[in-house]
PDB file of N, CA and C in Angstrom:
ATOM      1  N   MET A   1     116.974  82.787  99.418  1.00  0.00           N
ATOM      2  CA  MET A   1     116.641  82.614  98.022  1.00  0.00           C
ATOM      3  C   MET A   1     117.470  83.570  97.187  1.00  0.00           C
ATOM      4  N   SER A   2     118.096  83.065  96.202  1.00  0.00           N
ATOM      5  CA  SER A   2     118.826  83.913  95.286  1.00  0.00           C
ATOM      6  C   SER A   2     117.867  84.437  94.226  1.00  0.00           C
ATOM      7  N   HIS A   3     117.833  85.718  94.059  1.00  0.00           N
ATOM      8  CA  HIS A   3     116.932  86.307  93.066  1.00  0.00           C
ATOM      9  C   HIS A   3     117.435  86.069  91.654  1.00  0.00           C
ATOM     10  N   LEU A   4     118.665  85.600  91.532  1.00  0.00           N
ATOM     11  CA  LEU A   4     119.210  85.338  90.209  1.00  0.00           C
ATOM     12  C   LEU A   4     119.059  83.883  89.804  1.00  0.00           C
ATOM     13  N   SER A   5     118.430  83.078  90.640  1.00  0.00           N
ATOM     14  CA  SER A   5     118.305  81.659  90.329  1.00  0.00           C
ATOM     15  C   SER A   5     117.189  81.391  89.333  1.00  0.00           C
ATOM     16  N   ARG A   6     116.278  82.358  89.162  1.00  0.00           N
ATOM     17  CA  ARG A   6     115.204  82.163  88.199  1.00  0.00           C
ATOM     18  C   ARG A   6     115.777  82.191  86.790  1.00  0.00           C
ATOM     19  N   PRO A   7     115.343  81.268  85.962  1.00  0.00           N
ATOM     20  CA  PRO A   7     115.877  81.261  84.603  1.00  0.00           C
ATOM     21  C   PRO A   7     115.507  82.515  83.811  1.00  0.00           C
ATOM     22  N   ASP A   8     114.393  83.146  84.137  1.00  0.00           N
ATOM     23  CA  ASP A   8     113.960  84.313  83.372  1.00  0.00           C
ATOM     24  C   ASP A   8     114.296  85.625  84.075  1.00  0.00           C
ATOM     25  N   SER A   9     115.219  85.571  85.020  1.00  0.00           N
ATOM     26  CA  SER A   9     115.533  86.746  85.817  1.00  0.00           C
ATOM     27  C   SER A   9     116.062  87.876  84.944  1.00  0.00           C
ATOM     28  N   ASP A  10     115.417  89.031  85.076  1.00  0.00           N
ATOM     29  CA  ASP A  10     115.899  90.219  84.374  1.00  0.00           C
ATOM     30  C   ASP A  10     116.347  91.282  85.365  1.00  0.00           C
ATOM     31  N   LEU A  11     116.592  90.865  86.601  1.00  0.00           N
ATOM     32  CA  LEU A  11     116.939  91.831  87.637  1.00  0.00           C
ATOM     33  C   LEU A  11     118.240  92.583  87.332  1.00  0.00           C
ATOM     34  N   ILE A  12     119.228  91.880  86.827  1.00  0.00           N
ATOM     35  CA  ILE A  12     120.505  92.545  86.510  1.00  0.00           C
ATOM     36  C   ILE A  12     120.302  93.552  85.392  1.00  0.00           C
ATOM     37  N   ALA A  13     119.537  93.190  84.379  1.00  0.00           N
ATOM     38  CA  ALA A  13     119.259  94.128  83.291  1.00  0.00           C
ATOM     39  C   ALA A  13     118.510  95.351  83.811  1.00  0.00           C
ATOM     40  N   ARG A  14     117.567  95.134  84.722  1.00  0.00           N
ATOM     41  CA  ARG A  14     116.836  96.255  85.308  1.00  0.00           C
ATOM     42  C   ARG A  14     117.777  97.180  86.065  1.00  0.00           C
ATOM     43  N   ILE A  15     118.656  96.581  86.858  1.00  0.00           N
ATOM     44  CA  ILE A  15     119.609  97.382  87.636  1.00  0.00           C
ATOM     45  C   ILE A  15     120.518  98.178  86.709  1.00  0.00           C
ATOM     46  N   ARG A  16     120.965  97.576  85.642  1.00  0.00           N
ATOM     47  CA  ARG A  16     121.837  98.290  84.693  1.00  0.00           C
ATOM     48  C   ARG A  16     121.096  99.439  84.029  1.00  0.00           C
ATOM     49  N   ARG A  17     119.817  99.237  83.698  1.00  0.00           N
ATOM     50  CA  ARG A  17     119.027 100.329  83.124  1.00  0.00           C
ATOM     51  C   ARG A  17     118.870 101.458  84.139  1.00  0.00           C
ATOM     52  N   ILE A  18     118.621 101.101  85.387  1.00  0.00           N
ATOM     53  CA  ILE A  18     118.489 102.118  86.434  1.00  0.00           C
ATOM     54  C   ILE A  18     119.811 102.870  86.590  1.00  0.00           C
ATOM     55  N   GLY A  19     120.918 102.140  86.544  1.00  0.00           N
ATOM     56  CA  GLY A  19     122.234 102.795  86.615  1.00  0.00           C
ATOM     57  C   GLY A  19     122.424 103.783  85.470  1.00  0.00           C
ATOM     58  N   GLY A  20     121.985 103.410  84.281  1.00  0.00           N
ATOM     59  CA  GLY A  20     122.056 104.318  83.138  1.00  0.00           C
ATOM     60  C   GLY A  20     121.188 105.549  83.344  1.00  0.00           C
ATOM     61  N   GLN A  21     120.014 105.344  83.936  1.00  0.00           N
ATOM     62  CA  GLN A  21     119.126 106.472  84.211  1.00  0.00           C
ATOM     63  C   GLN A  21     119.746 107.417  85.248  1.00  0.00           C
ATOM     64  N   VAL A  22     120.386 106.853  86.259  1.00  0.00           N
ATOM     65  CA  VAL A  22     121.042 107.683  87.275  1.00  0.00           C
ATOM     66  C   VAL A  22     122.199 108.457  86.637  1.00  0.00           C
ATOM     67  N   SER A  23     122.932 107.815  85.750  1.00  0.00           N
ATOM     68  CA  SER A  23     124.014 108.513  85.042  1.00  0.00           C
ATOM     69  C   SER A  23     123.469 109.657  84.197  1.00  0.00           C
ATOM     70  N   ALA A  24     122.286 109.458  83.615  1.00  0.00           N
ATOM     71  CA  ALA A  24     121.656 110.518  82.822  1.00  0.00           C
ATOM     72  C   ALA A  24     121.304 111.712  83.711  1.00  0.00           C
ATOM     73  N   ILE A  25     120.892 111.445  84.941  1.00  0.00           N
ATOM     74  CA  ILE A  25     120.613 112.543  85.873  1.00  0.00           C
ATOM     75  C   ILE A  25     121.903 113.311  86.160  1.00  0.00           C
ATOM     76  N   GLU A  26     122.974 112.581  86.416  1.00  0.00           N
ATOM     77  CA  GLU A  26     124.258 113.240  86.686  1.00  0.00           C
ATOM     78  C   GLU A  26     124.684 114.099  85.504  1.00  0.00           C
ATOM     79  N   ARG A  27     124.553 113.561  84.282  1.00  0.00           N
ATOM     80  CA  ARG A  27     124.919 114.331  83.092  1.00  0.00           C
ATOM     81  C   ARG A  27     124.050 115.587  82.966  1.00  0.00           C
ATOM     82  N   ALA A  28     122.750 115.419  83.235  1.00  0.00           N
ATOM     83  CA  ALA A  28     121.837 116.562  83.129  1.00  0.00           C
ATOM     84  C   ALA A  28     122.202 117.654  84.134  1.00  0.00           C
ATOM     85  N   LEU A  29     122.599 117.250  85.315  1.00  0.00           N
ATOM     86  CA  LEU A  29     122.970 118.228  86.339  1.00  0.00           C
ATOM     87  C   LEU A  29     124.281 118.928  86.002  1.00  0.00           C
ATOM     88  N   THR A  30     125.224 118.181  85.448  1.00  0.00           N
ATOM     89  CA  THR A  30     126.540 118.775  85.164  1.00  0.00           C
ATOM     90  C   THR A  30     126.558 119.583  83.869  1.00  0.00           C
ATOM     91  N   THR A  31     125.567 119.380  83.021  1.00  0.00           N
ATOM     92  CA  THR A  31     125.518 120.145  81.769  1.00  0.00           C
ATOM     93  C   THR A  31     124.467 121.244  81.828  1.00  0.00           C
ATOM     94  N   ASP A  32     123.953 121.511  83.004  1.00  0.00           N
ATOM     95  CA  ASP A  32     123.004 122.605  83.211  1.00  0.00           C
ATOM     96  C   ASP A  32     121.721 122.444  82.403  1.00  0.00           C
ATOM     97  N   ASP A  33     121.233 121.217  82.301  1.00  0.00           N
ATOM     98  CA  ASP A  33     119.946 120.990  81.640  1.00  0.00           C
ATOM     99  C   ASP A  33     118.839 121.641  82.456  1.00  0.00           C
ATOM    100  N   SER A  34     117.684 121.756  81.847  1.00  0.00           N
ATOM    101  CA  SER A  34     116.562 122.429  82.513  1.00  0.00           C
ATOM    102  C   SER A  34     116.092 121.630  83.737  1.00  0.00           C
ATOM    103  N   CYS A  35     115.500 122.346  84.665  1.00  0.00           N
ATOM    104  CA  CYS A  35     114.934 121.698  85.851  1.00  0.00           C
ATOM    105  C   CYS A  35     113.878 120.679  85.441  1.00  0.00           C
ATOM    106  N   ALA A  36     113.083 121.011  84.448  1.00  0.00           N
ATOM    107  CA  ALA A  36     112.034 120.098  83.993  1.00  0.00           C
ATOM    108  C   ALA A  36     112.627 118.778  83.511  1.00  0.00           C
ATOM    109  N   LYS A  37     113.733 118.846  82.771  1.00  0.00           N
ATOM    110  CA  LYS A  37     114.357 117.613  82.287  1.00  0.00           C
ATOM    111  C   LYS A  37     114.897 116.790  83.454  1.00  0.00           C
ATOM    112  N   VAL A  38     115.549 117.444  84.403  1.00  0.00           N
ATOM    113  CA  VAL A  38     116.093 116.739  85.569  1.00  0.00           C
ATOM    114  C   VAL A  38     114.964 116.089  86.355  1.00  0.00           C
ATOM    115  N   LEU A  39     113.889 116.813  86.579  1.00  0.00           N
ATOM    116  CA  LEU A  39     112.748 116.253  87.304  1.00  0.00           C
ATOM    117  C   LEU A  39     112.159 115.047  86.574  1.00  0.00           C
ATOM    118  N   HIS A  40     112.078 115.138  85.264  1.00  0.00           N
ATOM    119  CA  HIS A  40     111.567 114.017  84.472  1.00  0.00           C
ATOM    120  C   HIS A  40     112.473 112.786  84.627  1.00  0.00           C
ATOM    121  N   LEU A  41     113.779 113.013  84.578  1.00  0.00           N
ATOM    122  CA  LEU A  41     114.728 111.903  84.734  1.00  0.00           C
ATOM    123  C   LEU A  41     114.639 111.283  86.127  1.00  0.00           C
ATOM    124  N   VAL A  42     114.519 112.113  87.154  1.00  0.00           N
ATOM    125  CA  VAL A  42     114.404 111.604  88.519  1.00  0.00           C
ATOM    126  C   VAL A  42     113.114 110.805  88.677  1.00  0.00           C
ATOM    127  N   ALA A  43     112.029 111.301  88.102  1.00  0.00           N
ATOM    128  CA  ALA A  43     110.759 110.573  88.169  1.00  0.00           C
ATOM    129  C   ALA A  43     110.867 109.224  87.474  1.00  0.00           C
ATOM    130  N   ALA A  44     111.603 109.166  86.375  1.00  0.00           N
ATOM    131  CA  ALA A  44     111.784 107.900  85.664  1.00  0.00           C
ATOM    132  C   ALA A  44     112.566 106.900  86.515  1.00  0.00           C
ATOM    133  N   VAL A  45     113.597 107.375  87.200  1.00  0.00           N
ATOM    134  CA  VAL A  45     114.372 106.493  88.073  1.00  0.00           C
ATOM    135  C   VAL A  45     113.493 105.993  89.217  1.00  0.00           C
ATOM    136  N   ARG A  46     112.721 106.876  89.778  1.00  0.00           N
ATOM    137  CA  ARG A  46     111.830 106.470  90.870  1.00  0.00           C
ATOM    138  C   ARG A  46     110.859 105.390  90.400  1.00  0.00           C
ATOM    139  N   GLY A  47     110.298 105.556  89.230  1.00  0.00           N
ATOM    140  CA  GLY A  47     109.398 104.551  88.679  1.00  0.00           C
ATOM    141  C   GLY A  47     110.103 103.226  88.447  1.00  0.00           C
ATOM    142  N   ALA A  48     111.323 103.287  87.935  1.00  0.00           N
ATOM    143  CA  ALA A  48     112.085 102.065  87.676  1.00  0.00           C
ATOM    144  C   ALA A  48     112.421 101.335  88.975  1.00  0.00           C
ATOM    145  N   VAL A  49     112.809 102.083  89.997  1.00  0.00           N
ATOM    146  CA  VAL A  49     113.132 101.475  91.290  1.00  0.00           C
ATOM    147  C   VAL A  49     111.861 100.883  91.910  1.00  0.00           C
ATOM    148  N   ASN A  50     110.749 101.587  91.793  1.00  0.00           N
ATOM    149  CA  ASN A  50     109.490 101.051  92.311  1.00  0.00           C
ATOM    150  C   ASN A  50     109.112  99.749  91.601  1.00  0.00           C
ATOM    151  N   GLY A  51     109.317  99.687  90.302  1.00  0.00           N
ATOM    152  CA  GLY A  51     109.041  98.457  89.560  1.00  0.00           C
ATOM    153  C   GLY A  51     109.926  97.315  90.022  1.00  0.00           C
ATOM    154  N   LEU A  52     111.195  97.602  90.257  1.00  0.00           N
ATOM    155  CA  LEU A  52     112.123  96.596  90.762  1.00  0.00           C
ATOM    156  C   LEU A  52     111.692  96.125  92.144  1.00  0.00           C
ATOM    157  N   LEU A  53     111.331  97.067  92.995  1.00  0.00           N
ATOM    158  CA  LEU A  53     110.868  96.717  94.341  1.00  0.00           C
ATOM    159  C   LEU A  53     109.625  95.836  94.274  1.00  0.00           C
ATOM    160  N   ASP A  54     108.694  96.182  93.408  1.00  0.00           N
ATOM    161  CA  ASP A  54     107.481  95.368  93.247  1.00  0.00           C
ATOM    162  C   ASP A  54     107.816  93.933  92.877  1.00  0.00           C
ATOM    163  N   GLU A  55     108.738  93.775  91.934  1.00  0.00           N
ATOM    164  CA  GLU A  55     109.106  92.425  91.489  1.00  0.00           C
ATOM    165  C   GLU A  55     109.768  91.629  92.614  1.00  0.00           C
ATOM    166  N   ILE A  56     110.649  92.264  93.356  1.00  0.00           N
ATOM    167  CA  ILE A  56     111.337  91.561  94.438  1.00  0.00           C
ATOM    168  C   ILE A  56     110.371  91.245  95.573  1.00  0.00           C
ATOM    169  N   ILE A  57     109.429  92.142  95.855  1.00  0.00           N
ATOM    170  CA  ILE A  57     108.410  91.864  96.871  1.00  0.00           C
ATOM    171  C   ILE A  57     107.573  90.660  96.455  1.00  0.00           C
ATOM    172  N   ALA A  58     107.169  90.613  95.196  1.00  0.00           N
ATOM    173  CA  ALA A  58     106.378  89.479  94.713  1.00  0.00           C
ATOM    174  C   ALA A  58     107.164  88.176  94.851  1.00  0.00           C
ATOM    175  N   ASP A  59     108.440  88.202  94.495  1.00  0.00           N
ATOM    176  CA  ASP A  59     109.284  87.013  94.651  1.00  0.00           C
ATOM    177  C   ASP A  59     109.377  86.601  96.115  1.00  0.00           C
ATOM    178  N   HIS A  60     109.543  87.586  96.993  1.00  0.00           N
ATOM    179  CA  HIS A  60     109.649  87.308  98.427  1.00  0.00           C
ATOM    180  C   HIS A  60     108.367  86.660  98.942  1.00  0.00           C
ATOM    181  N   LEU A  61     107.237  87.215  98.546  1.00  0.00           N
ATOM    182  CA  LEU A  61     105.956  86.640  98.978  1.00  0.00           C
ATOM    183  C   LEU A  61     105.817  85.190  98.541  1.00  0.00           C
ATOM    184  N   GLU A  62     106.142  84.920  97.295  1.00  0.00           N
ATOM    185  CA  GLU A  62     106.032  83.556  96.778  1.00  0.00           C
ATOM    186  C   GLU A  62     106.969  82.595  97.508  1.00  0.00           C
ATOM    187  N   ALA A  63     108.206  83.029  97.747  1.00  0.00           N
ATOM    188  CA  ALA A  63     109.210  82.131  98.306  1.00  0.00           C
ATOM    189  C   ALA A  63     109.196  82.044  99.828  1.00  0.00           C
ATOM    190  N   HIS A  64     108.818  83.138 100.500  1.00  0.00           N
ATOM    191  CA  HIS A  64     108.996  83.187 101.947  1.00  0.00           C
ATOM    192  C   HIS A  64     107.713  83.364 102.758  1.00  0.00           C
ATOM    193  N   VAL A  65     106.574  83.472 102.066  1.00  0.00           N
ATOM    194  CA  VAL A  65     105.307  83.618 102.784  1.00  0.00           C
ATOM    195  C   VAL A  65     104.266  82.628 102.267  1.00  0.00           C
ATOM    196  N   ALA A  66     104.126  82.520 100.962  1.00  0.00           N
ATOM    197  CA  ALA A  66     103.041  81.727 100.386  1.00  0.00           C
ATOM    198  C   ALA A  66     103.441  80.320  99.953  1.00  0.00           C
ATOM    199  N   HIS A  67     104.717  80.017  99.949  1.00  0.00           N
ATOM    200  CA  HIS A  67     105.156  78.699  99.476  1.00  0.00           C
ATOM    201  C   HIS A  67     104.555  77.605 100.360  1.00  0.00           C
ATOM    202  N   PRO A  68     103.962  76.575  99.765  1.00  0.00           N
ATOM    203  CA  PRO A  68     103.265  75.553 100.558  1.00  0.00           C
ATOM    204  C   PRO A  68     104.161  74.712 101.464  1.00  0.00           C
ATOM    205  N   ASP A  69     105.447  74.662 101.189  1.00  0.00           N
ATOM    206  CA  ASP A  69     106.349  73.830 101.992  1.00  0.00           C
ATOM    207  C   ASP A  69     106.889  74.532 103.236  1.00  0.00           C
ATOM    208  N   LEU A  70     106.527  75.783 103.456  1.00  0.00           N
ATOM    209  CA  LEU A  70     107.061  76.533 104.594  1.00  0.00           C
ATOM    210  C   LEU A  70     106.359  76.157 105.892  1.00  0.00           C
ATOM    211  N   THR A  71     107.119  76.233 106.971  1.00  0.00           N
ATOM    212  CA  THR A  71     106.526  76.051 108.297  1.00  0.00           C
ATOM    213  C   THR A  71     105.856  77.357 108.712  1.00  0.00           C
ATOM    214  N   ASP A  72     105.054  77.298 109.745  1.00  0.00           N
ATOM    215  CA  ASP A  72     104.419  78.519 110.254  1.00  0.00           C
ATOM    216  C   ASP A  72     105.472  79.539 110.697  1.00  0.00           C
ATOM    217  N   GLN A  73     106.534  79.048 111.316  1.00  0.00           N
ATOM    218  CA  GLN A  73     107.620  79.936 111.760  1.00  0.00           C
ATOM    219  C   GLN A  73     108.286  80.619 110.569  1.00  0.00           C
ATOM    220  N   GLU A  74     108.567  79.862 109.508  1.00  0.00           N
ATOM    221  CA  GLU A  74     109.187  80.447 108.317  1.00  0.00           C
ATOM    222  C   GLU A  74     108.273  81.487 107.669  1.00  0.00           C
ATOM    223  N   ARG A  75     106.980  81.196 107.629  1.00  0.00           N
ATOM    224  CA  ARG A  75     106.019  82.166 107.074  1.00  0.00           C
ATOM    225  C   ARG A  75     106.013  83.448 107.913  1.00  0.00           C
ATOM    226  N   ALA A  76     106.001  83.304 109.227  1.00  0.00           N
ATOM    227  CA  ALA A  76     105.991  84.467 110.115  1.00  0.00           C
ATOM    228  C   ALA A  76     107.257  85.303 109.915  1.00  0.00           C
ATOM    229  N   GLU A  77     108.397  84.654 109.777  1.00  0.00           N
ATOM    230  CA  GLU A  77     109.657  85.373 109.551  1.00  0.00           C
ATOM    231  C   GLU A  77     109.635  86.095 108.214  1.00  0.00           C
ATOM    232  N   GLY A  78     109.145  85.415 107.174  1.00  0.00           N
ATOM    233  CA  GLY A  78     109.063  86.036 105.855  1.00  0.00           C
ATOM    234  C   GLY A  78     108.135  87.230 105.854  1.00  0.00           C
ATOM    235  N   ALA A  79     107.012  87.108 106.546  1.00  0.00           N
ATOM    236  CA  ALA A  79     106.058  88.212 106.636  1.00  0.00           C
ATOM    237  C   ALA A  79     106.664  89.383 107.414  1.00  0.00           C
ATOM    238  N   GLU A  80     107.371  89.095 108.483  1.00  0.00           N
ATOM    239  CA  GLU A  80     107.992  90.151 109.288  1.00  0.00           C
ATOM    240  C   GLU A  80     109.066  90.884 108.484  1.00  0.00           C
ATOM    241  N   GLU A  81     109.857  90.158 107.711  1.00  0.00           N
ATOM    242  CA  GLU A  81     110.872  90.791 106.855  1.00  0.00           C
ATOM    243  C   GLU A  81     110.208  91.742 105.863  1.00  0.00           C
ATOM    244  N   LEU A  82     109.135  91.279 105.256  1.00  0.00           N
ATOM    245  CA  LEU A  82     108.431  92.101 104.282  1.00  0.00           C
ATOM    246  C   LEU A  82     107.810  93.328 104.933  1.00  0.00           C
ATOM    247  N   LEU A  83     107.232  93.163 106.090  1.00  0.00           N
ATOM    248  CA  LEU A  83     106.640  94.281 106.807  1.00  0.00           C
ATOM    249  C   LEU A  83     107.693  95.333 107.145  1.00  0.00           C
ATOM    250  N   ALA A  84     108.877  94.897 107.536  1.00  0.00           N
ATOM    251  CA  ALA A  84     109.960  95.838 107.848  1.00  0.00           C
ATOM    252  C   ALA A  84     110.336  96.660 106.613  1.00  0.00           C
ATOM    253  N   VAL A  85     110.382  96.024 105.465  1.00  0.00           N
ATOM    254  CA  VAL A  85     110.715  96.738 104.227  1.00  0.00           C
ATOM    255  C   VAL A  85     109.611  97.736 103.881  1.00  0.00           C
ATOM    256  N   ILE A  86     108.370  97.312 103.992  1.00  0.00           N
ATOM    257  CA  ILE A  86     107.256  98.195 103.666  1.00  0.00           C
ATOM    258  C   ILE A  86     107.235  99.401 104.607  1.00  0.00           C
ATOM    259  N   ARG A  87     107.487  99.186 105.877  1.00  0.00           N
ATOM    260  CA  ARG A  87     107.529 100.304 106.823  1.00  0.00           C
ATOM    261  C   ARG A  87     108.664 101.269 106.496  1.00  0.00           C
ATOM    262  N   ARG A  88     109.811 100.728 106.136  1.00  0.00           N
ATOM    263  CA  ARG A  88     110.958 101.566 105.783  1.00  0.00           C
ATOM    264  C   ARG A  88     110.648 102.358 104.521  1.00  0.00           C
ATOM    265  N   TYR A  89     110.013 101.705 103.558  1.00  0.00           N
ATOM    266  CA  TYR A  89     109.704 102.358 102.297  1.00  0.00           C
ATOM    267  C   TYR A  89     108.651 103.454 102.464  1.00  0.00           C
ATOM    268  N   ALA A  90     107.721 103.243 103.375  1.00  0.00           N
ATOM    269  CA  ALA A  90     106.619 104.178 103.564  1.00  0.00           C
ATOM    270  C   ALA A  90     107.052 105.475 104.255  1.00  0.00           C
ATOM    271  N   LYS A  91     108.224 105.514 104.833  1.00  0.00           N
ATOM    272  CA  LYS A  91     108.682 106.717 105.545  1.00  0.00           C
ATOM    273  C   LYS A  91     109.020 107.823 104.571  1.00  0.00           C
TER     274      LYS A  91
END
């Protein structure tokens, strides 16, 4: 499934915003901004990435686990893929 096939997809815009946030962290580090500001920027990036992950997980569930046209094998594969991501993320 292409995540960009949805007509209302904002994934690219989200990624670009996250890229801007990461650039802000780099600028803060190179200009000797306060630790508090850097921590705030890092927390914002983490929140943005978590939001992106949530959206992609929801899309995956709809397309690869819950879709009514899937076979049992396809559902099992989709669930296993998702479980692998969740385990990796939880580390």
